[in-house]
Amino acid sequence: MRTASSTIAGELERLLGPGKVSTNPGVVAEYSCDQAPHPPAAHALAVVFAESASDVQAVVRACAAAGIRVVPRGAGSGLSGGAHAVQDSIILSLERMNRIVELRAGDEVAVVEPGVVNADLNAAAAEHGLMYAPDPASFTFATIGGNIATNAGGLRCAKYGVTRDSVLALDVVLGDGELVRLGHSTFKGVAGYDLVGLLVGSEGTLGIVVGATVRLRHLPVKVCTIAAFFPDLASAAAGVLAVGRARVQPAIMELMDHGSIADADALNGTDLASRCSVLLLIQTDGFGAEAEAAVVREVLAASGGTLSAPGDPAAELFVQLRRNSRGSGTENELRVGEDVAVPRSRLVDYASELERIGREYGVFMKMVAHAGDGNLHPMFWAEPDDGGRDEAVARLRAALDESVRVALSMGGTITGEHGVGTFKVPWLGWEHSERVRDLARGIKDVFDPDGVLNPGKAI
């Protein structure tokens, strides 16, 4: 491996120039994984820091010729192993490609490189009264390229949709090193197949995004935040459905169970757990924010909620706590955060099943959810007992398997926004038939016939 590493690193440094290639063991180890709860299959041979689309093209061509795999990486904030190194691979970091190339306020679009941090784009857009709508919890450090790779969602997805709904065009380097432009700079456009929609969420397996044209939205003139405290999950879920029946479309509709509330209290010195078992957070926005908030308050109160006072600044604080509610502890083989989605009408049924699974398999569970679209993030963890660590890991894996089976039985999916990566590949066949997976492999072969780009991920 040392010979392969020095050979490809030397070739890439010759092509790209100094300062863009590292074989330092510490750097390679750091960049060979993301935040998934399992280790990578191998460490990369080298890390390459691209600074332009031509750098990316040169890397892909050189690696293809040498039989080396290319694993693209943004900030490494992914949770499913989509940026994990594989055998005989290099990590291609896009973090230095961080320019906002153009921001056309009149057209409500921005052209960005993949390493632009979500929060930085929002700060630039805000100067023009605009925003980039997708806002994953990691928005302060996650990059737009990484968001595109997994079709990231976030709190505002209840109203504004996920990343795919905000991407108009992509500049992409294919598996042979060719640079192509997909999509259009207009809000509408139906010429040919929607290849942009296909690339968004493909986890770098079809092409490497080196530029994106994204849609911006107007910053709302008014935002109203409501914190609703409920005694149990059933009444909170009833409140979610009641808001839907009232024909109000909140920008944010988030749920935290008692375990997540207690964890947030411990991390932030708050005392929410003494006030409720379940917290539902709703934001309305725009010119009709106050009118919509009044309707929401009425239906939540009728569903058994105790509401924060109108204009209470504490409600906004609770939203910030929710944004940072992955909680204490690093995910690992004994602690795994999940990302399933079910039809919104089955939210309470699935949450009840999660509680059953925790009891049945002897594991602990807490949960937050994007209640507006049925995307749940339960956190399971197991503690070794007399059976030792291996037995605890086995219990946790069995609980995770059961949680996925139950979600699928309710018409759900194995991942709402974190992606398949390597961690969820064993479950993909439970959701997609072999014929569907063959179609996906065929698409992969068209874009990347030599299997250079991020093998073993997504499909």
Protein backbone atom coordinates (compact mmCIF):
# COMPACT_ATOMS: atom_id res chain seq x y z
CA MET A 1 0.00 0.00 0.00
CA ARG A 2 2.91 2.34 0.78
CA THR A 3 4.17 1.96 -2.80
CA ALA A 4 0.70 2.60 -4.26
CA SER A 5 0.31 5.61 -1.99
CA SER A 6 3.60 7.20 -2.97
CA THR A 7 3.02 6.49 -6.67
CA ILE A 8 -0.44 8.07 -6.94
CA ALA A 9 0.47 10.90 -4.55
CA GLY A 10 3.55 11.74 -6.59
CA GLU A 11 1.59 11.73 -9.83
CA LEU A 12 -1.15 13.93 -8.39
CA GLU A 13 1.35 16.38 -6.93
CA ARG A 14 3.06 16.58 -10.32
CA LEU A 15 -0.27 17.36 -11.97
CA LEU A 16 -1.68 19.78 -9.38
CA GLY A 17 1.39 21.44 -7.95
CA PRO A 18 2.59 21.72 -4.35
CA GLY A 19 0.36 22.01 -1.30
CA LYS A 20 -2.61 20.09 -2.67
CA VAL A 21 -1.73 16.47 -1.82
CA SER A 22 -1.11 14.96 1.62
CA THR A 23 -0.03 11.49 2.69
CA ASN A 24 0.46 12.54 6.31
CA PRO A 25 -0.98 9.62 8.33
CA GLY A 26 -2.90 11.90 10.69
CA VAL A 27 -4.46 13.88 7.84
CA VAL A 28 -5.29 10.71 5.91
CA ALA A 29 -6.93 9.12 8.96
CA GLU A 30 -8.98 12.25 9.68
CA TYR A 31 -10.24 12.58 6.11
CA SER A 32 -10.89 8.87 5.55
CA CYS A 33 -14.21 8.95 7.41
CA ASP A 34 -17.24 11.06 8.11
CA GLN A 35 -19.42 10.99 11.25
CA ALA A 36 -21.05 7.62 10.57
CA PRO A 37 -21.23 5.19 13.52
CA HIS A 38 -18.93 2.63 11.86
CA PRO A 39 -15.28 2.82 10.78
CA PRO A 40 -14.25 2.99 7.10
CA ALA A 41 -13.25 -0.20 5.32
CA ALA A 42 -9.76 1.21 4.73
CA HIS A 43 -7.69 4.36 5.01
CA ALA A 44 -7.16 6.33 1.84
CA LEU A 45 -3.83 6.37 0.04
CA ALA A 46 -3.77 10.17 0.06
CA VAL A 47 -5.92 13.27 0.50
CA VAL A 48 -6.18 15.75 -2.37
CA PHE A 49 -7.34 19.33 -1.79
CA ALA A 50 -8.82 20.50 -5.10
CA GLU A 51 -9.01 24.22 -5.75
CA SER A 52 -10.71 24.24 -9.16
CA ALA A 53 -12.78 22.17 -11.54
CA SER A 54 -9.65 21.49 -13.59
CA ASP A 55 -8.00 20.07 -10.47
CA VAL A 56 -10.92 17.69 -10.05
CA GLN A 57 -10.74 16.65 -13.70
CA ALA A 58 -7.02 15.96 -13.43
CA VAL A 59 -7.51 13.88 -10.28
CA VAL A 60 -10.30 11.77 -11.77
CA ARG A 61 -8.38 11.12 -14.99
CA ALA A 62 -5.17 10.18 -13.18
CA CYS A 63 -6.95 7.90 -10.74
CA ALA A 64 -8.99 6.23 -13.47
CA ALA A 65 -5.79 5.47 -15.38
CA ALA A 66 -4.14 4.04 -12.26
CA GLY A 67 -7.14 2.00 -11.06
CA ILE A 68 -7.52 4.18 -7.97
CA ARG A 69 -10.97 5.07 -6.60
CA VAL A 70 -12.02 8.65 -5.85
CA VAL A 71 -14.09 9.46 -2.75
CA PRO A 72 -15.35 13.07 -2.81
CA ARG A 73 -15.67 14.85 0.54
CA GLY A 74 -17.05 18.13 1.80
CA ALA A 75 -17.00 18.94 5.51
CA GLY A 76 -17.27 15.30 6.60
CA SER A 77 -20.54 16.02 8.38
CA GLY A 78 -22.35 13.05 6.83
CA LEU A 79 -23.80 10.39 9.11
CA SER A 80 -24.02 7.33 6.86
CA GLY A 81 -20.47 6.70 5.64
CA GLY A 82 -20.94 8.35 2.26
CA ALA A 83 -17.46 9.90 2.55
CA HIS A 84 -15.74 6.82 4.01
CA ALA A 85 -12.57 5.72 2.25
CA VAL A 86 -12.52 2.39 0.44
CA GLN A 87 -9.64 0.13 -0.54
CA ASP A 88 -7.18 1.75 -2.98
CA SER A 89 -8.83 5.15 -2.88
CA ILE A 90 -7.92 8.78 -2.51
CA ILE A 91 -10.08 11.31 -0.68
CA LEU A 92 -10.88 14.30 -2.87
CA SER A 93 -11.61 17.20 -0.54
CA LEU A 94 -13.61 20.04 -2.10
CA GLU A 95 -13.48 22.33 0.92
CA ARG A 96 -11.09 24.80 -0.74
CA MET A 97 -13.54 25.32 -3.60
CA ASN A 98 -15.53 27.73 -1.46
CA ARG A 99 -16.32 30.73 -3.64
CA ILE A 100 -19.74 32.26 -4.07
CA VAL A 101 -19.18 32.86 -7.78
CA GLU A 102 -22.25 34.96 -8.38
CA LEU A 103 -25.33 36.11 -6.51
CA ARG A 104 -28.00 37.53 -8.79
CA ALA A 105 -30.52 39.00 -6.39
CA GLY A 106 -32.91 40.06 -9.14
CA ASP A 107 -33.09 36.50 -10.44
CA GLU A 108 -33.06 35.02 -6.92
CA VAL A 109 -30.25 32.63 -7.77
CA ALA A 110 -26.68 32.05 -6.63
CA VAL A 111 -23.82 30.23 -8.35
CA VAL A 112 -21.53 28.52 -5.85
CA GLU A 113 -18.65 26.12 -5.64
CA PRO A 114 -19.26 22.90 -3.68
CA GLY A 115 -17.17 23.89 -0.65
CA VAL A 116 -19.32 26.90 0.22
CA VAL A 117 -20.70 26.48 3.73
CA ASN A 118 -24.49 26.63 3.95
CA ALA A 119 -24.43 29.37 6.60
CA ASP A 120 -22.02 31.50 4.54
CA LEU A 121 -24.34 31.41 1.54
CA ASN A 122 -27.22 32.42 3.78
CA ALA A 123 -25.23 35.32 5.21
CA ALA A 124 -24.41 36.58 1.71
CA ALA A 125 -28.00 36.15 0.54
CA ALA A 126 -29.37 37.94 3.60
CA GLU A 127 -27.65 41.14 2.49
CA HIS A 128 -30.13 41.13 -0.41
CA GLY A 129 -33.16 40.12 1.67
CA LEU A 130 -32.86 36.51 0.50
CA MET A 131 -32.09 33.09 1.97
CA TYR A 132 -31.05 29.63 0.84
CA ALA A 133 -33.90 27.54 2.19
CA PRO A 134 -32.34 24.11 2.99
CA ASP A 135 -31.01 24.26 6.56
CA PRO A 136 -29.71 20.96 7.93
CA ALA A 137 -28.75 20.96 11.59
CA SER A 138 -25.10 21.09 10.49
CA PHE A 139 -25.67 24.25 8.42
CA THR A 140 -22.97 26.20 10.25
CA PHE A 141 -20.26 23.94 8.85
CA ALA A 142 -21.79 21.61 6.23
CA THR A 143 -21.06 22.45 2.60
CA ILE A 144 -23.45 22.91 -0.29
CA GLY A 145 -21.74 20.07 -2.16
CA GLY A 146 -22.33 17.71 0.74
CA ASN A 147 -25.95 18.87 1.01
CA ILE A 148 -26.38 18.08 -2.69
CA ALA A 149 -24.75 14.68 -2.31
CA THR A 150 -27.32 13.52 0.26
CA ASN A 151 -30.28 15.72 -0.74
CA ALA A 152 -30.17 17.19 2.76
CA GLY A 153 -33.29 18.56 4.39
CA GLY A 154 -33.46 20.46 7.65
CA LEU A 155 -35.96 22.24 9.83
CA ARG A 156 -37.44 24.46 7.10
CA CYS A 157 -38.19 21.50 4.81
CA ALA A 158 -41.82 21.41 6.01
CA LYS A 159 -42.53 24.43 3.81
CA TYR A 160 -39.56 24.90 1.49
CA GLY A 161 -38.64 21.34 0.65
CA VAL A 162 -35.27 19.61 0.59
CA THR A 163 -32.06 20.43 -1.31
CA ARG A 164 -33.35 19.04 -4.61
CA ASP A 165 -36.11 21.66 -4.57
CA SER A 166 -33.51 24.45 -4.55
CA VAL A 167 -30.98 23.20 -7.13
CA LEU A 168 -31.40 24.44 -10.70
CA ALA A 169 -28.14 23.45 -12.39
CA LEU A 170 -24.95 21.52 -11.67
CA ASP A 171 -21.46 21.48 -13.12
CA VAL A 172 -20.28 17.89 -12.79
CA VAL A 173 -17.08 15.96 -13.47
CA LEU A 174 -17.93 12.47 -14.71
CA GLY A 175 -16.03 9.24 -14.13
CA ASP A 176 -13.89 9.79 -17.24
CA GLY A 177 -12.91 13.30 -16.15
CA GLU A 178 -15.20 15.14 -18.56
CA LEU A 179 -16.89 18.29 -17.24
CA VAL A 180 -20.59 18.64 -18.12
CA ARG A 181 -23.28 21.15 -17.22
CA LEU A 182 -26.71 19.85 -16.27
CA GLY A 183 -29.94 21.74 -15.75
CA HIS A 184 -30.75 25.40 -16.31
CA SER A 185 -30.54 28.81 -14.65
CA THR A 186 -34.29 29.39 -14.81
CA PHE A 187 -36.89 28.29 -12.29
CA LYS A 188 -38.65 26.29 -15.00
CA GLY A 189 -37.12 24.06 -17.67
CA VAL A 190 -38.13 20.64 -18.98
CA ALA A 191 -35.69 20.05 -21.84
CA GLY A 192 -34.69 16.40 -21.68
CA TYR A 193 -34.42 14.19 -18.62
CA ASP A 194 -34.04 15.76 -15.18
CA LEU A 195 -30.42 14.79 -14.67
CA VAL A 196 -30.00 17.41 -11.95
CA GLY A 197 -32.70 15.69 -9.92
CA LEU A 198 -30.89 12.40 -10.50
CA LEU A 199 -27.51 13.75 -9.36
CA VAL A 200 -28.90 15.35 -6.21
CA GLY A 201 -28.82 12.62 -3.58
CA SER A 202 -26.51 10.33 -5.58
CA GLU A 203 -23.73 10.65 -2.97
CA GLY A 204 -20.94 11.30 -5.45
CA THR A 205 -21.40 7.97 -7.20
CA LEU A 206 -22.43 9.41 -10.58
CA GLY A 207 -20.31 12.54 -10.77
CA ILE A 208 -18.44 15.07 -8.67
CA VAL A 209 -20.23 18.40 -8.29
CA VAL A 210 -17.84 21.30 -8.92
CA GLY A 211 -20.47 24.04 -9.23
CA ALA A 212 -24.13 24.59 -8.47
CA THR A 213 -26.77 27.13 -9.42
CA VAL A 214 -29.25 27.29 -6.58
CA ARG A 215 -32.55 29.03 -6.06
CA LEU A 216 -32.88 31.63 -3.31
CA ARG A 217 -36.03 32.64 -1.47
CA HIS A 218 -37.18 35.90 0.08
CA LEU A 219 -36.40 36.29 3.75
CA PRO A 220 -39.79 36.33 5.48
CA VAL A 221 -40.95 39.72 6.69
CA LYS A 222 -42.37 38.12 9.83
CA VAL A 223 -41.72 34.93 11.78
CA CYS A 224 -43.92 33.65 14.62
CA THR A 225 -42.65 30.83 16.82
CA ILE A 226 -44.87 28.67 18.98
CA ALA A 227 -43.73 26.21 21.63
CA ALA A 228 -46.43 23.71 22.55
CA PHE A 229 -45.96 21.47 25.60
CA PHE A 230 -47.76 18.13 25.57
CA PRO A 231 -48.17 15.42 28.21
CA ASP A 232 -47.62 12.56 25.76
CA LEU A 233 -46.66 11.71 22.21
CA ALA A 234 -50.17 10.82 21.09
CA SER A 235 -51.57 14.26 21.86
CA ALA A 236 -48.58 15.98 20.22
CA ALA A 237 -49.02 13.90 17.06
CA ALA A 238 -52.72 14.74 17.09
CA GLY A 239 -51.70 18.39 17.16
CA VAL A 240 -49.49 17.89 14.10
CA LEU A 241 -52.36 16.36 12.14
CA ALA A 242 -54.76 19.05 13.35
CA VAL A 243 -52.49 21.77 11.98
CA GLY A 244 -52.51 20.00 8.62
CA ARG A 245 -56.30 19.77 8.60
CA ALA A 246 -56.45 23.51 9.35
CA ARG A 247 -54.71 24.12 6.00
CA VAL A 248 -51.79 25.97 7.56
CA GLN A 249 -48.33 25.34 6.14
CA PRO A 250 -45.74 26.07 8.83
CA ALA A 251 -42.15 26.69 7.81
CA ILE A 252 -40.97 24.58 10.75
CA MET A 253 -42.77 21.81 12.64
CA GLU A 254 -40.40 19.92 14.96
CA LEU A 255 -40.96 17.43 17.75
CA MET A 256 -38.78 16.41 20.69
CA ASP A 257 -39.59 13.53 23.03
CA HIS A 258 -38.82 13.54 26.75
CA GLY A 259 -35.45 11.86 26.38
CA SER A 260 -34.27 14.44 23.86
CA ILE A 261 -35.62 17.26 25.99
CA ALA A 262 -33.77 15.97 29.05
CA ASP A 263 -30.58 15.63 27.01
CA ALA A 264 -30.94 19.21 25.75
CA ASP A 265 -31.48 20.37 29.34
CA ALA A 266 -28.28 18.65 30.46
CA LEU A 267 -26.28 20.23 27.64
CA ASN A 268 -27.71 23.73 27.88
CA GLY A 269 -28.69 24.22 31.52
CA THR A 270 -32.38 24.55 30.71
CA ASP A 271 -35.33 22.98 32.51
CA LEU A 272 -37.75 21.96 29.78
CA ALA A 273 -38.17 18.40 31.02
CA SER A 274 -40.06 19.62 34.09
CA ARG A 275 -42.62 21.31 31.86
CA CYS A 276 -43.62 18.53 29.47
CA SER A 277 -43.07 15.06 28.11
CA VAL A 278 -43.16 16.14 24.46
CA LEU A 279 -42.31 19.51 22.90
CA LEU A 280 -43.73 20.60 19.55
CA LEU A 281 -42.15 23.65 17.91
CA ILE A 282 -43.87 25.45 15.06
CA GLN A 283 -42.86 28.52 13.07
CA THR A 284 -45.06 30.35 10.60
CA ASP A 285 -43.54 32.97 8.33
CA GLY A 286 -44.35 35.59 5.74
CA PHE A 287 -46.98 38.32 5.59
CA GLY A 288 -49.59 35.92 6.96
CA ALA A 289 -47.43 34.62 9.80
CA GLU A 290 -49.52 36.09 12.61
CA ALA A 291 -52.82 34.94 11.14
CA GLU A 292 -51.47 31.43 10.59
CA ALA A 293 -49.97 31.38 14.08
CA ALA A 294 -53.37 32.25 15.56
CA VAL A 295 -54.91 29.23 13.81
CA VAL A 296 -52.06 27.00 14.95
CA ARG A 297 -52.41 28.13 18.55
CA GLU A 298 -56.13 27.38 18.48
CA VAL A 299 -55.79 23.85 17.11
CA LEU A 300 -52.84 22.95 19.36
CA ALA A 301 -54.69 24.10 22.45
CA ALA A 302 -57.67 22.01 21.38
CA SER A 303 -55.31 19.04 21.07
CA GLY A 304 -54.18 19.38 24.69
CA GLY A 305 -51.11 21.55 24.28
CA THR A 306 -49.96 24.21 26.72
CA LEU A 307 -48.63 27.07 24.61
CA SER A 308 -45.92 29.66 24.99
CA ALA A 309 -47.20 33.22 25.07
CA PRO A 310 -47.27 35.08 21.72
CA GLY A 311 -43.91 36.69 21.12
CA ASP A 312 -42.21 34.78 23.95
CA PRO A 313 -38.47 34.87 23.08
CA ALA A 314 -38.01 31.56 24.86
CA ALA A 315 -39.83 29.82 21.99
CA GLU A 316 -37.09 30.85 19.58
CA LEU A 317 -34.50 29.60 22.06
CA PHE A 318 -36.23 26.21 22.01
CA VAL A 319 -35.88 26.12 18.21
CA GLN A 320 -32.13 26.68 18.57
CA LEU A 321 -31.99 23.86 21.13
CA ARG A 322 -33.74 21.62 18.61
CA ARG A 323 -31.21 22.54 15.92
CA ASN A 324 -28.47 21.29 18.21
CA SER A 325 -30.31 18.31 19.65
CA ARG A 326 -28.23 15.39 18.38
CA GLY A 327 -27.12 15.44 21.99
CA SER A 328 -24.07 14.32 23.89
CA GLY A 329 -21.90 11.42 22.82
CA THR A 330 -20.27 10.47 19.55
CA GLU A 331 -22.06 7.93 17.39
CA ASN A 332 -20.33 4.55 17.31
CA GLU A 333 -21.21 0.87 17.23
CA LEU A 334 -23.00 1.23 20.61
CA ARG A 335 -24.76 4.52 19.78
CA VAL A 336 -26.54 5.03 16.45
CA GLY A 337 -28.80 7.83 15.27
CA GLU A 338 -31.38 6.82 12.70
CA ASP A 339 -33.07 8.69 9.87
CA VAL A 340 -36.27 6.97 8.82
CA ALA A 341 -39.39 8.59 7.44
CA VAL A 342 -43.00 7.40 7.53
CA PRO A 343 -46.25 8.91 6.27
CA ARG A 344 -47.09 11.74 8.62
CA SER A 345 -50.33 10.04 9.63
CA ARG A 346 -48.28 7.13 11.04
CA LEU A 347 -45.97 9.31 13.13
CA VAL A 348 -47.44 8.37 16.50
CA ASP A 349 -47.78 4.70 15.52
CA TYR A 350 -44.13 4.53 14.57
CA ALA A 351 -42.98 6.40 17.66
CA SER A 352 -44.90 3.93 19.82
CA GLU A 353 -43.22 1.07 17.97
CA LEU A 354 -39.82 2.63 18.64
CA GLU A 355 -40.57 2.64 22.36
CA ARG A 356 -41.61 -1.03 22.13
CA ILE A 357 -38.43 -1.91 20.27
CA GLY A 358 -36.33 -0.24 22.93
CA ARG A 359 -37.99 -2.27 25.67
CA GLU A 360 -37.97 -5.53 23.75
CA TYR A 361 -34.29 -5.42 22.79
CA GLY A 362 -33.02 -3.84 25.98
CA VAL A 363 -31.69 -0.65 24.38
CA PHE A 364 -32.22 3.01 25.20
CA MET A 365 -33.97 5.40 22.83
CA LYS A 366 -34.70 9.10 22.47
CA MET A 367 -36.13 10.88 19.45
CA VAL A 368 -36.49 14.12 17.57
CA ALA A 369 -38.53 14.46 14.41
CA HIS A 370 -39.29 16.73 11.51
CA ALA A 371 -42.95 16.28 12.33
CA GLY A 372 -44.05 18.31 9.33
CA ASP A 373 -42.94 15.61 6.91
CA GLY A 374 -42.75 12.44 9.01
CA ASN A 375 -38.94 12.23 9.14
CA LEU A 376 -37.82 10.84 12.50
CA HIS A 377 -34.36 10.77 14.05
CA PRO A 378 -34.40 8.24 16.88
CA MET A 379 -31.14 7.71 18.73
CA PHE A 380 -30.58 4.15 19.95
CA TRP A 381 -27.84 3.14 22.31
CA ALA A 382 -26.92 0.03 24.26
CA GLU A 383 -24.83 -0.38 27.38
CA PRO A 384 -22.79 -3.54 27.93
CA ASP A 385 -23.97 -5.79 30.76
CA ASP A 386 -22.85 -9.25 31.82
CA GLY A 387 -22.88 -10.30 28.16
CA GLY A 388 -20.17 -7.78 27.33
CA ARG A 389 -19.72 -5.34 24.47
CA ASP A 390 -20.34 -7.83 21.65
CA GLU A 391 -23.68 -8.83 23.10
CA ALA A 392 -24.68 -5.16 23.49
CA VAL A 393 -23.75 -4.45 19.88
CA ALA A 394 -25.84 -7.43 18.77
CA ARG A 395 -28.86 -6.13 20.72
CA LEU A 396 -28.47 -2.70 19.17
CA ARG A 397 -28.16 -4.08 15.64
CA ALA A 398 -31.26 -6.22 16.14
CA ALA A 399 -33.19 -3.18 17.39
CA LEU A 400 -32.07 -1.12 14.39
CA ASP A 401 -33.10 -3.88 11.99
CA GLU A 402 -36.51 -4.08 13.63
CA SER A 403 -36.96 -0.30 13.51
CA VAL A 404 -36.29 -0.34 9.77
CA ARG A 405 -38.65 -3.27 9.14
CA VAL A 406 -41.45 -1.52 11.01
CA ALA A 407 -40.91 1.76 9.14
CA LEU A 408 -41.08 -0.03 5.79
CA SER A 409 -44.22 -1.89 6.84
CA MET A 410 -45.86 1.50 7.41
CA GLY A 411 -44.97 2.72 3.94
CA GLY A 412 -41.80 4.47 5.07
CA THR A 413 -38.21 4.64 3.89
CA ILE A 414 -34.81 3.70 5.35
CA THR A 415 -33.46 7.25 4.99
CA GLY A 416 -35.20 10.58 4.79
CA GLU A 417 -32.20 12.86 4.35
CA HIS A 418 -28.91 11.38 5.57
CA GLY A 419 -28.34 9.11 2.59
CA VAL A 420 -27.52 5.42 2.26
CA GLY A 421 -23.72 5.72 2.32
CA THR A 422 -22.19 2.44 3.40
CA PHE A 423 -24.06 2.10 6.68
CA LYS A 424 -27.53 1.58 5.18
CA VAL A 425 -26.58 -0.51 2.16
CA PRO A 426 -27.62 -3.78 3.91
CA TRP A 427 -31.15 -2.38 4.30
CA LEU A 428 -31.53 -1.01 0.79
CA GLY A 429 -32.69 -4.36 -0.59
CA TRP A 430 -35.52 -4.34 1.94
CA GLU A 431 -36.93 -1.21 0.30
CA HIS A 432 -35.94 -1.58 -3.37
CA SER A 433 -36.55 -4.67 -5.46
CA GLU A 434 -33.64 -6.31 -7.23
CA ARG A 435 -34.99 -5.00 -10.54
CA VAL A 436 -34.95 -1.44 -9.24
CA ARG A 437 -31.42 -1.90 -7.92
CA ASP A 438 -30.35 -3.27 -11.33
CA LEU A 439 -31.70 -0.09 -12.94
CA ALA A 440 -29.66 1.97 -10.49
CA ARG A 441 -26.52 -0.03 -11.27
CA GLY A 442 -27.16 0.53 -14.97
CA ILE A 443 -27.33 4.27 -14.43
CA LYS A 444 -24.09 4.11 -12.46
CA ASP A 445 -22.43 2.28 -15.37
CA VAL A 446 -23.48 5.02 -17.81
CA PHE A 447 -22.03 7.85 -15.72
CA ASP A 448 -19.03 5.98 -14.33
CA PRO A 449 -18.34 2.82 -16.39
CA ASP A 450 -15.01 2.08 -14.68
CA GLY A 451 -16.42 2.42 -11.16
CA VAL A 452 -14.00 5.20 -10.19
CA LEU A 453 -16.41 7.38 -8.22
CA ASN A 454 -17.25 6.53 -4.61
CA PRO A 455 -17.80 2.78 -5.04
CA GLY A 456 -19.87 0.81 -2.56
CA LYS A 457 -22.06 3.77 -1.62
CA ALA A 458 -25.73 4.60 -2.18
CA ILE A 459 -26.69 1.57 -4.34
